[in-house]
Amino acid sequence: MSDKLRELIHGLSEATGDDLPVECVEGTYEIESDHFTLTFTSDSEIFEIHSIDVRGNVGFEHKIINAIHEYSDENDLEVIASNVRDTARGFWEKMGYQEGDSDGEFYRVV
C-alpha cells in the first residue's frame, strides 16, 4: 500500500474513530470495521468507490465521503461511485455527484 493510501486510511480512522484493517485483493481495497465496510480502487487519476455499507450508523457515510474527498483533492483524483443503487441516488446527489453514462455510476462534480 502506498504512503498516500496510508494517509487516507489514517484520515478515515480519525473521522470514524475506528481502527481500520485493510485488505487488498488484486488492486481492490476493502476496509471493514464494526461500523462500516468500504470497497474501493485507486490509481493515479481515479478513486473509485465500489461500495459503502454503514450498517445503520447514521452520519458515517458523510464522514467517509468527506475523508475521501479530502484525500482526492490533495492528490488531484477524480472520484467515481459505482454500483449505486436507486435508493442511494439522493445521497450521492447531495454529496455533489451527478449520474454518469454507465448505469449505477456517479461522478463527483467539483
PDB file of N, CA and C in Angstrom:
ATOM      1  N   MET A   1       0.841  -1.170   0.000  1.00  0.00           N
ATOM      2  CA  MET A   1       0.000   0.000   0.000  1.00  0.00           C
ATOM      3  C   MET A   1       0.891   1.240   0.000  1.00  0.00           C
ATOM      4  N   SER A   2       0.518   2.208  -0.813  1.00  0.00           N
ATOM      5  CA  SER A   2       1.314   3.426  -0.922  1.00  0.00           C
ATOM      6  C   SER A   2       1.158   4.298   0.326  1.00  0.00           C
ATOM      7  N   ASP A   3       2.105   5.213   0.491  1.00  0.00           N
ATOM      8  CA  ASP A   3       2.028   6.161   1.605  1.00  0.00           C
ATOM      9  C   ASP A   3       0.778   7.023   1.492  1.00  0.00           C
ATOM     10  N   LYS A   4       0.411   7.368   0.269  1.00  0.00           N
ATOM     11  CA  LYS A   4      -0.786   8.184   0.068  1.00  0.00           C
ATOM     12  C   LYS A   4      -2.035   7.456   0.549  1.00  0.00           C
ATOM     13  N   LEU A   5      -2.144   6.162   0.227  1.00  0.00           N
ATOM     14  CA  LEU A   5      -3.304   5.400   0.690  1.00  0.00           C
ATOM     15  C   LEU A   5      -3.265   5.232   2.207  1.00  0.00           C
ATOM     16  N   ARG A   6      -2.091   5.123   2.777  1.00  0.00           N
ATOM     17  CA  ARG A   6      -1.979   5.070   4.243  1.00  0.00           C
ATOM     18  C   ARG A   6      -2.531   6.353   4.860  1.00  0.00           C
ATOM     19  N   GLU A   7      -2.281   7.489   4.208  1.00  0.00           N
ATOM     20  CA  GLU A   7      -2.828   8.764   4.678  1.00  0.00           C
ATOM     21  C   GLU A   7      -4.354   8.731   4.657  1.00  0.00           C
ATOM     22  N   LEU A   8      -4.931   8.179   3.589  1.00  0.00           N
ATOM     23  CA  LEU A   8      -6.382   8.067   3.502  1.00  0.00           C
ATOM     24  C   LEU A   8      -6.906   7.200   4.641  1.00  0.00           C
ATOM     25  N   ILE A   9      -6.300   6.054   4.865  1.00  0.00           N
ATOM     26  CA  ILE A   9      -6.743   5.143   5.920  1.00  0.00           C
ATOM     27  C   ILE A   9      -6.661   5.848   7.272  1.00  0.00           C
ATOM     28  N   HIS A  10      -5.585   6.588   7.481  1.00  0.00           N
ATOM     29  CA  HIS A  10      -5.438   7.337   8.728  1.00  0.00           C
ATOM     30  C   HIS A  10      -6.561   8.380   8.859  1.00  0.00           C
ATOM     31  N   GLY A  11      -6.855   9.089   7.771  1.00  0.00           N
ATOM     32  CA  GLY A  11      -7.930  10.079   7.778  1.00  0.00           C
ATOM     33  C   GLY A  11      -9.289   9.452   8.053  1.00  0.00           C
ATOM     34  N   LEU A  12      -9.540   8.287   7.452  1.00  0.00           N
ATOM     35  CA  LEU A  12     -10.797   7.580   7.705  1.00  0.00           C
ATOM     36  C   LEU A  12     -10.874   7.119   9.153  1.00  0.00           C
ATOM     37  N   SER A  13      -9.758   6.652   9.671  1.00  0.00           N
ATOM     38  CA  SER A  13      -9.705   6.202  11.058  1.00  0.00           C
ATOM     39  C   SER A  13     -10.012   7.354  12.008  1.00  0.00           C
ATOM     40  N   GLU A  14      -9.418   8.512  11.748  1.00  0.00           N
ATOM     41  CA  GLU A  14      -9.684   9.687  12.580  1.00  0.00           C
ATOM     42  C   GLU A  14     -11.134  10.141  12.460  1.00  0.00           C
ATOM     43  N   ALA A  15     -11.670  10.130  11.255  1.00  0.00           N
ATOM     44  CA  ALA A  15     -13.030  10.602  11.023  1.00  0.00           C
ATOM     45  C   ALA A  15     -14.073   9.702  11.689  1.00  0.00           C
ATOM     46  N   THR A  16     -13.806   8.405  11.729  1.00  0.00           N
ATOM     47  CA  THR A  16     -14.800   7.465  12.238  1.00  0.00           C
ATOM     48  C   THR A  16     -14.499   6.966  13.646  1.00  0.00           C
ATOM     49  N   GLY A  17     -13.278   7.183  14.117  1.00  0.00           N
ATOM     50  CA  GLY A  17     -12.895   6.698  15.437  1.00  0.00           C
ATOM     51  C   GLY A  17     -12.648   5.207  15.473  1.00  0.00           C
ATOM     52  N   ASP A  18     -12.482   4.587  14.324  1.00  0.00           N
ATOM     53  CA  ASP A  18     -12.271   3.147  14.227  1.00  0.00           C
ATOM     54  C   ASP A  18     -10.822   2.820  13.881  1.00  0.00           C
ATOM     55  N   ASP A  19     -10.336   1.700  14.399  1.00  0.00           N
ATOM     56  CA  ASP A  19      -9.075   1.128  13.941  1.00  0.00           C
ATOM     57  C   ASP A  19      -9.433   0.321  12.700  1.00  0.00           C
ATOM     58  N   LEU A  20      -8.811   0.611  11.570  1.00  0.00           N
ATOM     59  CA  LEU A  20      -9.292   0.079  10.299  1.00  0.00           C
ATOM     60  C   LEU A  20      -8.351  -0.949   9.678  1.00  0.00           C
ATOM     61  N   PRO A  21      -8.755  -2.205   9.710  1.00  0.00           N
ATOM     62  CA  PRO A  21      -7.989  -3.216   8.981  1.00  0.00           C
ATOM     63  C   PRO A  21      -8.274  -3.104   7.482  1.00  0.00           C
ATOM     64  N   VAL A  22      -7.235  -3.228   6.677  1.00  0.00           N
ATOM     65  CA  VAL A  22      -7.366  -3.088   5.226  1.00  0.00           C
ATOM     66  C   VAL A  22      -6.869  -4.350   4.554  1.00  0.00           C
ATOM     67  N   GLU A  23      -7.663  -4.853   3.628  1.00  0.00           N
ATOM     68  CA  GLU A  23      -7.249  -5.980   2.798  1.00  0.00           C
ATOM     69  C   GLU A  23      -7.198  -5.506   1.355  1.00  0.00           C
ATOM     70  N   CYS A  24      -6.250  -6.046   0.605  1.00  0.00           N
ATOM     71  CA  CYS A  24      -6.153  -5.726  -0.817  1.00  0.00           C
ATOM     72  C   CYS A  24      -6.068  -7.032  -1.597  1.00  0.00           C
ATOM     73  N   VAL A  25      -7.010  -7.185  -2.526  1.00  0.00           N
ATOM     74  CA  VAL A  25      -7.022  -8.349  -3.394  1.00  0.00           C
ATOM     75  C   VAL A  25      -7.068  -7.853  -4.826  1.00  0.00           C
ATOM     76  N   GLU A  26      -6.006  -8.140  -5.577  1.00  0.00           N
ATOM     77  CA  GLU A  26      -5.909  -7.771  -6.985  1.00  0.00           C
ATOM     78  C   GLU A  26      -6.237  -6.295  -7.228  1.00  0.00           C
ATOM     79  N   GLY A  27      -5.715  -5.414  -6.376  1.00  0.00           N
ATOM     80  CA  GLY A  27      -5.872  -3.976  -6.565  1.00  0.00           C
ATOM     81  C   GLY A  27      -7.144  -3.380  -6.001  1.00  0.00           C
ATOM     82  N   THR A  28      -8.020  -4.207  -5.442  1.00  0.00           N
ATOM     83  CA  THR A  28      -9.240  -3.711  -4.817  1.00  0.00           C
ATOM     84  C   THR A  28      -9.060  -3.760  -3.309  1.00  0.00           C
ATOM     85  N   TYR A  29      -9.287  -2.621  -2.673  1.00  0.00           N
ATOM     86  CA  TYR A  29      -9.104  -2.498  -1.228  1.00  0.00           C
ATOM     87  C   TYR A  29     -10.439  -2.650  -0.529  1.00  0.00           C
ATOM     88  N   GLU A  30     -10.408  -3.302   0.627  1.00  0.00           N
ATOM     89  CA  GLU A  30     -11.597  -3.403   1.459  1.00  0.00           C
ATOM     90  C   GLU A  30     -11.222  -3.056   2.886  1.00  0.00           C
ATOM     91  N   ILE A  31     -11.984  -2.126   3.443  1.00  0.00           N
ATOM     92  CA  ILE A  31     -11.840  -1.745   4.841  1.00  0.00           C
ATOM     93  C   ILE A  31     -13.101  -2.228   5.533  1.00  0.00           C
ATOM     94  N   GLU A  32     -12.930  -2.998   6.585  1.00  0.00           N
ATOM     95  CA  GLU A  32     -14.099  -3.485   7.313  1.00  0.00           C
ATOM     96  C   GLU A  32     -13.896  -3.234   8.799  1.00  0.00           C
ATOM     97  N   SER A  33     -14.818  -2.478   9.377  1.00  0.00           N
ATOM     98  CA  SER A  33     -14.781  -2.196  10.810  1.00  0.00           C
ATOM     99  C   SER A  33     -16.124  -2.572  11.412  1.00  0.00           C
ATOM    100  N   ASP A  34     -16.280  -2.304  12.680  1.00  0.00           N
ATOM    101  CA  ASP A  34     -17.560  -2.573  13.330  1.00  0.00           C
ATOM    102  C   ASP A  34     -18.660  -1.667  12.801  1.00  0.00           C
ATOM    103  N   HIS A  35     -18.284  -0.492  12.285  1.00  0.00           N
ATOM    104  CA  HIS A  35     -19.270   0.498  11.875  1.00  0.00           C
ATOM    105  C   HIS A  35     -19.532   0.575  10.375  1.00  0.00           C
ATOM    106  N   PHE A  36     -18.582   0.141   9.571  1.00  0.00           N
ATOM    107  CA  PHE A  36     -18.786   0.257   8.127  1.00  0.00           C
ATOM    108  C   PHE A  36     -17.847  -0.669   7.362  1.00  0.00           C
ATOM    109  N   THR A  37     -18.198  -0.850   6.085  1.00  0.00           N
ATOM    110  CA  THR A  37     -17.341  -1.526   5.121  1.00  0.00           C
ATOM    111  C   THR A  37     -17.228  -0.610   3.909  1.00  0.00           C
ATOM    112  N   LEU A  38     -16.013  -0.460   3.396  1.00  0.00           N
ATOM    113  CA  LEU A  38     -15.747   0.354   2.211  1.00  0.00           C
ATOM    114  C   LEU A  38     -14.883  -0.462   1.272  1.00  0.00           C
ATOM    115  N   THR A  39     -15.307  -0.548   0.016  1.00  0.00           N
ATOM    116  CA  THR A  39     -14.527  -1.222  -1.013  1.00  0.00           C
ATOM    117  C   THR A  39     -14.221  -0.201  -2.106  1.00  0.00           C
ATOM    118  N   PHE A  40     -12.933  -0.132  -2.516  1.00  0.00           N
ATOM    119  CA  PHE A  40     -12.547   0.873  -3.495  1.00  0.00           C
ATOM    120  C   PHE A  40     -11.299   0.445  -4.260  1.00  0.00           C
ATOM    121  N   THR A  41     -11.067   1.138  -5.376  1.00  0.00           N
ATOM    122  CA  THR A  41      -9.811   1.059  -6.112  1.00  0.00           C
ATOM    123  C   THR A  41      -9.310   2.487  -6.289  1.00  0.00           C
ATOM    124  N   SER A  42      -8.007   2.620  -6.495  1.00  0.00           N
ATOM    125  CA  SER A  42      -7.432   3.940  -6.706  1.00  0.00           C
ATOM    126  C   SER A  42      -6.181   3.808  -7.554  1.00  0.00           C
ATOM    127  N   ASP A  43      -6.047   4.726  -8.503  1.00  0.00           N
ATOM    128  CA  ASP A  43      -4.820   4.796  -9.287  1.00  0.00           C
ATOM    129  C   ASP A  43      -4.379   6.247  -9.329  1.00  0.00           C
ATOM    130  N   SER A  44      -3.558   6.615 -10.264  1.00  0.00           N
ATOM    131  CA  SER A  44      -3.007   7.969 -10.298  1.00  0.00           C
ATOM    132  C   SER A  44      -4.008   9.020 -10.767  1.00  0.00           C
ATOM    133  N   GLU A  45      -5.188   8.602 -11.253  1.00  0.00           N
ATOM    134  CA  GLU A  45      -6.165   9.559 -11.765  1.00  0.00           C
ATOM    135  C   GLU A  45      -7.553   9.444 -11.137  1.00  0.00           C
ATOM    136  N   ILE A  46      -7.924   8.232 -10.722  1.00  0.00           N
ATOM    137  CA  ILE A  46      -9.308   7.986 -10.292  1.00  0.00           C
ATOM    138  C   ILE A  46      -9.351   7.241  -8.967  1.00  0.00           C
ATOM    139  N   PHE A  47     -10.242   7.696  -8.090  1.00  0.00           N
ATOM    140  CA  PHE A  47     -10.587   6.976  -6.875  1.00  0.00           C
ATOM    141  C   PHE A  47     -12.003   6.473  -7.108  1.00  0.00           C
ATOM    142  N   GLU A  48     -12.179   5.156  -7.158  1.00  0.00           N
ATOM    143  CA  GLU A  48     -13.497   4.594  -7.433  1.00  0.00           C
ATOM    144  C   GLU A  48     -14.030   3.874  -6.207  1.00  0.00           C
ATOM    145  N   ILE A  49     -15.170   4.346  -5.738  1.00  0.00           N
ATOM    146  CA  ILE A  49     -15.861   3.732  -4.618  1.00  0.00           C
ATOM    147  C   ILE A  49     -16.766   2.647  -5.183  1.00  0.00           C
ATOM    148  N   HIS A  50     -16.496   1.404  -4.810  1.00  0.00           N
ATOM    149  CA  HIS A  50     -17.311   0.290  -5.303  1.00  0.00           C
ATOM    150  C   HIS A  50     -18.516   0.042  -4.399  1.00  0.00           C
ATOM    151  N   SER A  51     -18.310   0.189  -3.089  1.00  0.00           N
ATOM    152  CA  SER A  51     -19.433   0.007  -2.167  1.00  0.00           C
ATOM    153  C   SER A  51     -19.113   0.620  -0.809  1.00  0.00           C
ATOM    154  N   ILE A  52     -20.177   1.084  -0.169  1.00  0.00           N
ATOM    155  CA  ILE A  52     -20.113   1.554   1.207  1.00  0.00           C
ATOM    156  C   ILE A  52     -21.315   0.961   1.923  1.00  0.00           C
ATOM    157  N   ASP A  53     -21.076   0.346   3.052  1.00  0.00           N
ATOM    158  CA  ASP A  53     -22.153  -0.168   3.902  1.00  0.00           C
ATOM    159  C   ASP A  53     -21.880   0.359   5.303  1.00  0.00           C
ATOM    160  N   VAL A  54     -22.747   1.250   5.788  1.00  0.00           N
ATOM    161  CA  VAL A  54     -22.524   1.854   7.102  1.00  0.00           C
ATOM    162  C   VAL A  54     -23.298   1.149   8.209  1.00  0.00           C
ATOM    163  N   ARG A  55     -23.942   0.071   7.874  1.00  0.00           N
ATOM    164  CA  ARG A  55     -24.604  -0.788   8.871  1.00  0.00           C
ATOM    165  C   ARG A  55     -25.516  -0.003   9.803  1.00  0.00           C
ATOM    166  N   GLY A  56     -26.233   0.948   9.230  1.00  0.00           N
ATOM    167  CA  GLY A  56     -27.189   1.710  10.017  1.00  0.00           C
ATOM    168  C   GLY A  56     -26.583   2.797  10.876  1.00  0.00           C
ATOM    169  N   ASN A  57     -25.291   3.029  10.782  1.00  0.00           N
ATOM    170  CA  ASN A  57     -24.628   4.059  11.571  1.00  0.00           C
ATOM    171  C   ASN A  57     -24.807   5.417  10.889  1.00  0.00           C
ATOM    172  N   VAL A  58     -25.840   6.123  11.307  1.00  0.00           N
ATOM    173  CA  VAL A  58     -26.208   7.394  10.693  1.00  0.00           C
ATOM    174  C   VAL A  58     -25.037   8.377  10.784  1.00  0.00           C
ATOM    175  N   GLY A  59     -24.744   9.008   9.673  1.00  0.00           N
ATOM    176  CA  GLY A  59     -23.694  10.013   9.616  1.00  0.00           C
ATOM    177  C   GLY A  59     -22.341   9.477   9.188  1.00  0.00           C
ATOM    178  N   PHE A  60     -22.136   8.166   9.286  1.00  0.00           N
ATOM    179  CA  PHE A  60     -20.833   7.616   8.906  1.00  0.00           C
ATOM    180  C   PHE A  60     -20.558   7.783   7.426  1.00  0.00           C
ATOM    181  N   GLU A  61     -21.590   7.685   6.593  1.00  0.00           N
ATOM    182  CA  GLU A  61     -21.342   7.810   5.162  1.00  0.00           C
ATOM    183  C   GLU A  61     -20.803   9.199   4.831  1.00  0.00           C
ATOM    184  N   HIS A  62     -21.293  10.227   5.521  1.00  0.00           N
ATOM    185  CA  HIS A  62     -20.784  11.585   5.285  1.00  0.00           C
ATOM    186  C   HIS A  62     -19.326  11.701   5.723  1.00  0.00           C
ATOM    187  N   LYS A  63     -18.986  11.123   6.861  1.00  0.00           N
ATOM    188  CA  LYS A  63     -17.603  11.154   7.352  1.00  0.00           C
ATOM    189  C   LYS A  63     -16.675  10.459   6.366  1.00  0.00           C
ATOM    190  N   ILE A  64     -17.096   9.317   5.865  1.00  0.00           N
ATOM    191  CA  ILE A  64     -16.281   8.537   4.931  1.00  0.00           C
ATOM    192  C   ILE A  64     -16.083   9.315   3.627  1.00  0.00           C
ATOM    193  N   ILE A  65     -17.173   9.816   3.063  1.00  0.00           N
ATOM    194  CA  ILE A  65     -17.092  10.540   1.794  1.00  0.00           C
ATOM    195  C   ILE A  65     -16.269  11.807   1.955  1.00  0.00           C
ATOM    196  N   ASN A  66     -16.437  12.530   3.048  1.00  0.00           N
ATOM    197  CA  ASN A  66     -15.646  13.743   3.266  1.00  0.00           C
ATOM    198  C   ASN A  66     -14.157  13.425   3.358  1.00  0.00           C
ATOM    199  N   ALA A  67     -13.789  12.322   4.022  1.00  0.00           N
ATOM    200  CA  ALA A  67     -12.375  11.925   4.101  1.00  0.00           C
ATOM    201  C   ALA A  67     -11.855  11.551   2.713  1.00  0.00           C
ATOM    202  N   ILE A  68     -12.666  10.877   1.913  1.00  0.00           N
ATOM    203  CA  ILE A  68     -12.275  10.518   0.546  1.00  0.00           C
ATOM    204  C   ILE A  68     -12.110  11.782  -0.293  1.00  0.00           C
ATOM    205  N   HIS A  69     -13.020  12.737  -0.150  1.00  0.00           N
ATOM    206  CA  HIS A  69     -12.914  13.990  -0.901  1.00  0.00           C
ATOM    207  C   HIS A  69     -11.636  14.734  -0.541  1.00  0.00           C
ATOM    208  N   GLU A  70     -11.319  14.800   0.737  1.00  0.00           N
ATOM    209  CA  GLU A  70     -10.090  15.477   1.163  1.00  0.00           C
ATOM    210  C   GLU A  70      -8.867  14.798   0.551  1.00  0.00           C
ATOM    211  N   TYR A  71      -8.822  13.477   0.624  1.00  0.00           N
ATOM    212  CA  TYR A  71      -7.721  12.703   0.044  1.00  0.00           C
ATOM    213  C   TYR A  71      -7.642  12.943  -1.465  1.00  0.00           C
ATOM    214  N   SER A  72      -8.768  12.884  -2.141  1.00  0.00           N
ATOM    215  CA  SER A  72      -8.801  13.048  -3.601  1.00  0.00           C
ATOM    216  C   SER A  72      -8.399  14.455  -4.022  1.00  0.00           C
ATOM    217  N   ASP A  73      -8.842  15.453  -3.270  1.00  0.00           N
ATOM    218  CA  ASP A  73      -8.458  16.831  -3.580  1.00  0.00           C
ATOM    219  C   ASP A  73      -6.948  17.020  -3.436  1.00  0.00           C
ATOM    220  N   GLU A  74      -6.370  16.466  -2.380  1.00  0.00           N
ATOM    221  CA  GLU A  74      -4.932  16.585  -2.144  1.00  0.00           C
ATOM    222  C   GLU A  74      -4.107  15.873  -3.212  1.00  0.00           C
ATOM    223  N   ASN A  75      -4.712  14.857  -3.840  1.00  0.00           N
ATOM    224  CA  ASN A  75      -3.978  14.049  -4.813  1.00  0.00           C
ATOM    225  C   ASN A  75      -4.493  14.208  -6.235  1.00  0.00           C
ATOM    226  N   ASP A  76      -5.325  15.226  -6.475  1.00  0.00           N
ATOM    227  CA  ASP A  76      -5.868  15.521  -7.809  1.00  0.00           C
ATOM    228  C   ASP A  76      -6.507  14.302  -8.464  1.00  0.00           C
ATOM    229  N   LEU A  77      -7.393  13.629  -7.723  1.00  0.00           N
ATOM    230  CA  LEU A  77      -8.069  12.442  -8.230  1.00  0.00           C
ATOM    231  C   LEU A  77      -9.537  12.733  -8.513  1.00  0.00           C
ATOM    232  N   GLU A  78     -10.028  12.175  -9.595  1.00  0.00           N
ATOM    233  CA  GLU A  78     -11.459  12.197  -9.878  1.00  0.00           C
ATOM    234  C   GLU A  78     -12.088  11.106  -9.005  1.00  0.00           C
ATOM    235  N   VAL A  79     -13.289  11.366  -8.490  1.00  0.00           N
ATOM    236  CA  VAL A  79     -13.957  10.371  -7.651  1.00  0.00           C
ATOM    237  C   VAL A  79     -15.203   9.876  -8.364  1.00  0.00           C
ATOM    238  N   ILE A  80     -15.323   8.564  -8.417  1.00  0.00           N
ATOM    239  CA  ILE A  80     -16.466   7.903  -9.036  1.00  0.00           C
ATOM    240  C   ILE A  80     -17.078   6.961  -8.012  1.00  0.00           C
ATOM    241  N   ALA A  81     -18.392   6.964  -7.937  1.00  0.00           N
ATOM    242  CA  ALA A  81     -19.112   5.967  -7.145  1.00  0.00           C
ATOM    243  C   ALA A  81     -19.779   5.027  -8.142  1.00  0.00           C
ATOM    244  N   SER A  82     -19.438   3.761  -8.062  1.00  0.00           N
ATOM    245  CA  SER A  82     -20.044   2.788  -8.977  1.00  0.00           C
ATOM    246  C   SER A  82     -20.977   1.874  -8.196  1.00  0.00           C
ATOM    247  N   ASN A  83     -21.789   1.149  -8.899  1.00  0.00           N
ATOM    248  CA  ASN A  83     -22.733   0.204  -8.293  1.00  0.00           C
ATOM    249  C   ASN A  83     -23.746   0.904  -7.385  1.00  0.00           C
ATOM    250  N   VAL A  84     -24.085   2.152  -7.695  1.00  0.00           N
ATOM    251  CA  VAL A  84     -25.017   2.910  -6.864  1.00  0.00           C
ATOM    252  C   VAL A  84     -26.436   2.387  -7.097  1.00  0.00           C
ATOM    253  N   ARG A  85     -27.077   2.044  -6.002  1.00  0.00           N
ATOM    254  CA  ARG A  85     -28.471   1.575  -6.073  1.00  0.00           C
ATOM    255  C   ARG A  85     -29.414   2.766  -6.218  1.00  0.00           C
ATOM    256  N   ASP A  86     -30.568   2.529  -6.798  1.00  0.00           N
ATOM    257  CA  ASP A  86     -31.556   3.594  -6.980  1.00  0.00           C
ATOM    258  C   ASP A  86     -31.911   4.258  -5.657  1.00  0.00           C
ATOM    259  N   THR A  87     -31.951   3.492  -4.574  1.00  0.00           N
ATOM    260  CA  THR A  87     -32.314   4.035  -3.268  1.00  0.00           C
ATOM    261  C   THR A  87     -31.244   4.978  -2.716  1.00  0.00           C
ATOM    262  N   ALA A  88     -30.035   4.943  -3.269  1.00  0.00           N
ATOM    263  CA  ALA A  88     -28.935   5.783  -2.778  1.00  0.00           C
ATOM    264  C   ALA A  88     -28.660   6.989  -3.676  1.00  0.00           C
ATOM    265  N   ARG A  89     -29.405   7.140  -4.730  1.00  0.00           N
ATOM    266  CA  ARG A  89     -29.166   8.230  -5.677  1.00  0.00           C
ATOM    267  C   ARG A  89     -29.205   9.599  -4.999  1.00  0.00           C
ATOM    268  N   GLY A  90     -30.185   9.819  -4.157  1.00  0.00           N
ATOM    269  CA  GLY A  90     -30.341  11.099  -3.478  1.00  0.00           C
ATOM    270  C   GLY A  90     -29.139  11.435  -2.604  1.00  0.00           C
ATOM    271  N   PHE A  91     -28.603  10.429  -1.907  1.00  0.00           N
ATOM    272  CA  PHE A  91     -27.422  10.645  -1.080  1.00  0.00           C
ATOM    273  C   PHE A  91     -26.266  11.139  -1.928  1.00  0.00           C
ATOM    274  N   TRP A  92     -25.996  10.455  -3.036  1.00  0.00           N
ATOM    275  CA  TRP A  92     -24.857  10.821  -3.881  1.00  0.00           C
ATOM    276  C   TRP A  92     -25.046  12.201  -4.493  1.00  0.00           C
ATOM    277  N   GLU A  93     -26.261  12.527  -4.873  1.00  0.00           N
ATOM    278  CA  GLU A  93     -26.526  13.859  -5.421  1.00  0.00           C
ATOM    279  C   GLU A  93     -26.287  14.930  -4.366  1.00  0.00           C
ATOM    280  N   LYS A  94     -26.712  14.684  -3.112  1.00  0.00           N
ATOM    281  CA  LYS A  94     -26.477  15.644  -2.021  1.00  0.00           C
ATOM    282  C   LYS A  94     -24.987  15.800  -1.725  1.00  0.00           C
ATOM    283  N   MET A  95     -24.202  14.765  -1.986  1.00  0.00           N
ATOM    284  CA  MET A  95     -22.761  14.812  -1.738  1.00  0.00           C
ATOM    285  C   MET A  95     -21.997  15.439  -2.903  1.00  0.00           C
ATOM    286  N   GLY A  96     -22.723  15.911  -3.936  1.00  0.00           N
ATOM    287  CA  GLY A  96     -22.079  16.622  -5.038  1.00  0.00           C
ATOM    288  C   GLY A  96     -21.731  15.752  -6.228  1.00  0.00           C
ATOM    289  N   TYR A  97     -22.496  14.710  -6.452  1.00  0.00           N
ATOM    290  CA  TYR A  97     -22.251  13.801  -7.571  1.00  0.00           C
ATOM    291  C   TYR A  97     -23.380  13.922  -8.581  1.00  0.00           C
ATOM    292  N   GLN A  98     -23.051  13.599  -9.827  1.00  0.00           N
ATOM    293  CA  GLN A  98     -24.081  13.523 -10.853  1.00  0.00           C
ATOM    294  C   GLN A  98     -23.958  12.190 -11.573  1.00  0.00           C
ATOM    295  N   GLU A  99     -25.073  11.757 -12.110  1.00  0.00           N
ATOM    296  CA  GLU A  99     -25.122  10.467 -12.776  1.00  0.00           C
ATOM    297  C   GLU A  99     -24.246  10.467 -14.019  1.00  0.00           C
ATOM    298  N   GLY A 100     -23.526   9.378 -14.209  1.00  0.00           N
ATOM    299  CA  GLY A 100     -22.675   9.215 -15.377  1.00  0.00           C
ATOM    300  C   GLY A 100     -23.398   8.497 -16.493  1.00  0.00           C
ATOM    301  N   ASP A 101     -22.654   8.132 -17.514  1.00  0.00           N
ATOM    302  CA  ASP A 101     -23.221   7.448 -18.670  1.00  0.00           C
ATOM    303  C   ASP A 101     -23.545   5.988 -18.389  1.00  0.00           C
ATOM    304  N   SER A 102     -22.769   5.354 -17.523  1.00  0.00           N
ATOM    305  CA  SER A 102     -22.993   3.949 -17.197  1.00  0.00           C
ATOM    306  C   SER A 102     -24.018   3.823 -16.075  1.00  0.00           C
ATOM    307  N   ASP A 103     -24.806   2.774 -16.133  1.00  0.00           N
ATOM    308  CA  ASP A 103     -25.828   2.524 -15.129  1.00  0.00           C
ATOM    309  C   ASP A 103     -25.199   2.363 -13.742  1.00  0.00           C
ATOM    310  N   GLY A 104     -25.700   3.100 -12.769  1.00  0.00           N
ATOM    311  CA  GLY A 104     -25.219   2.981 -11.404  1.00  0.00           C
ATOM    312  C   GLY A 104     -23.914   3.697 -11.120  1.00  0.00           C
ATOM    313  N   GLU A 105     -23.484   4.569 -12.029  1.00  0.00           N
ATOM    314  CA  GLU A 105     -22.219   5.260 -11.859  1.00  0.00           C
ATOM    315  C   GLU A 105     -22.473   6.757 -11.662  1.00  0.00           C
ATOM    316  N   PHE A 106     -21.855   7.313 -10.614  1.00  0.00           N
ATOM    317  CA  PHE A 106     -21.983   8.728 -10.309  1.00  0.00           C
ATOM    318  C   PHE A 106     -20.597   9.332 -10.207  1.00  0.00           C
ATOM    319  N   TYR A 107     -20.438  10.551 -10.731  1.00  0.00           N
ATOM    320  CA  TYR A 107     -19.162  11.254 -10.742  1.00  0.00           C
ATOM    321  C   TYR A 107     -19.242  12.472  -9.838  1.00  0.00           C
ATOM    322  N   ARG A 108     -18.200  12.704  -9.107  1.00  0.00           N
ATOM    323  CA  ARG A 108     -18.129  13.893  -8.263  1.00  0.00           C
ATOM    324  C   ARG A 108     -17.957  15.119  -9.145  1.00  0.00           C
ATOM    325  N   VAL A 109     -18.750  16.124  -8.879  1.00  0.00           N
ATOM    326  CA  VAL A 109     -18.670  17.386  -9.605  1.00  0.00           C
ATOM    327  C   VAL A 109     -17.950  18.363  -8.696  1.00  0.00           C
ATOM    328  N   VAL A 110     -16.802  18.874  -9.171  1.00  0.00           N
ATOM    329  CA  VAL A 110     -16.007  19.789  -8.361  1.00  0.00           C
ATOM    330  C   VAL A 110     -16.140  21.197  -8.872  1.00  0.00           C
TER     331      VAL A 110
END
